[in-house]
């Protein structure tokens, strides 16, 4: 069975938030989150935890690669 993991764009859509709001809620630098979303930076463990806390999505369901 293939799991579908949520990208940053999917998390924004799920919550109805902009990238900026997601970054703010997750306590992640906006520029860093944008770089992650565009595959110019690597998501850290702290990023995953912040995104999970902000959205209520389990960290295992958040994609570390944004393809």
Protein backbone atom coordinates (compact mmCIF):
# COMPACT_ATOMS: atom_id res chain seq x y z
CA UNK A 1 0.00 0.00 0.00
CA UNK A 2 1.36 3.42 -0.96
CA UNK A 3 1.01 6.22 1.54
CA UNK A 4 0.28 9.69 0.26
CA UNK A 5 2.28 12.23 2.19
CA UNK A 6 1.24 15.86 2.38
CA UNK A 7 3.47 18.47 0.82
CA UNK A 8 3.73 22.05 2.09
CA UNK A 9 1.29 23.11 -0.64
CA UNK A 10 -1.17 20.43 0.47
CA UNK A 11 -0.88 21.52 4.11
CA UNK A 12 -1.67 25.10 3.09
CA UNK A 13 -4.69 23.96 1.11
CA UNK A 14 -5.88 21.68 3.93
CA UNK A 15 -5.83 24.53 6.44
CA UNK A 16 -6.86 27.26 3.99
CA UNK A 17 -3.68 29.15 4.87
CA UNK A 18 -1.11 31.03 2.86
CA UNK A 19 2.54 29.93 2.92
CA UNK A 20 3.23 32.86 5.21
CA UNK A 21 0.58 31.88 7.72
CA UNK A 22 1.72 28.25 7.71
CA UNK A 23 5.28 29.40 8.40
CA UNK A 24 4.11 31.67 11.21
CA UNK A 25 1.89 29.02 12.80
CA UNK A 26 4.65 26.41 12.52
CA UNK A 27 7.27 28.86 13.84
CA UNK A 28 9.40 28.35 10.72
CA UNK A 29 11.22 31.16 8.93
CA UNK A 30 9.10 32.15 5.91
CA UNK A 31 12.06 32.16 3.52
CA UNK A 32 13.14 28.71 4.70
CA UNK A 33 9.64 27.26 4.25
CA UNK A 34 9.45 28.74 0.77
CA UNK A 35 12.84 27.20 -0.07
CA UNK A 36 11.61 23.82 1.24
CA UNK A 37 8.45 24.11 -0.84
CA UNK A 38 10.54 24.79 -3.94
CA UNK A 39 13.06 22.01 -3.18
CA UNK A 40 15.88 24.48 -2.56
CA UNK A 41 16.28 23.51 1.10
CA UNK A 42 15.92 20.36 3.15
CA UNK A 43 13.17 20.00 5.72
CA UNK A 44 14.53 19.53 9.23
CA UNK A 45 13.11 17.51 12.10
CA UNK A 46 12.15 20.80 13.77
CA UNK A 47 10.29 21.81 10.59
CA UNK A 48 8.34 18.54 10.62
CA UNK A 49 7.43 18.95 14.28
CA UNK A 50 6.38 22.57 13.75
CA UNK A 51 4.25 21.70 10.74
CA UNK A 52 2.66 18.81 12.61
CA UNK A 53 1.90 20.94 15.66
CA UNK A 54 0.46 23.76 13.54
CA UNK A 55 -1.75 21.59 11.35
CA UNK A 56 -2.58 18.60 13.52
CA UNK A 57 -1.18 16.27 10.85
CA UNK A 58 1.01 13.43 12.11
CA UNK A 59 4.68 13.96 11.23
CA UNK A 60 4.71 10.63 9.41
CA UNK A 61 2.15 12.01 6.96
CA UNK A 62 4.17 15.09 6.00
CA UNK A 63 6.39 14.81 2.94
CA UNK A 64 10.03 15.73 3.42
CA UNK A 65 10.47 16.09 -0.36
CA UNK A 66 8.12 18.41 -2.21
CA UNK A 67 7.90 16.69 -5.62
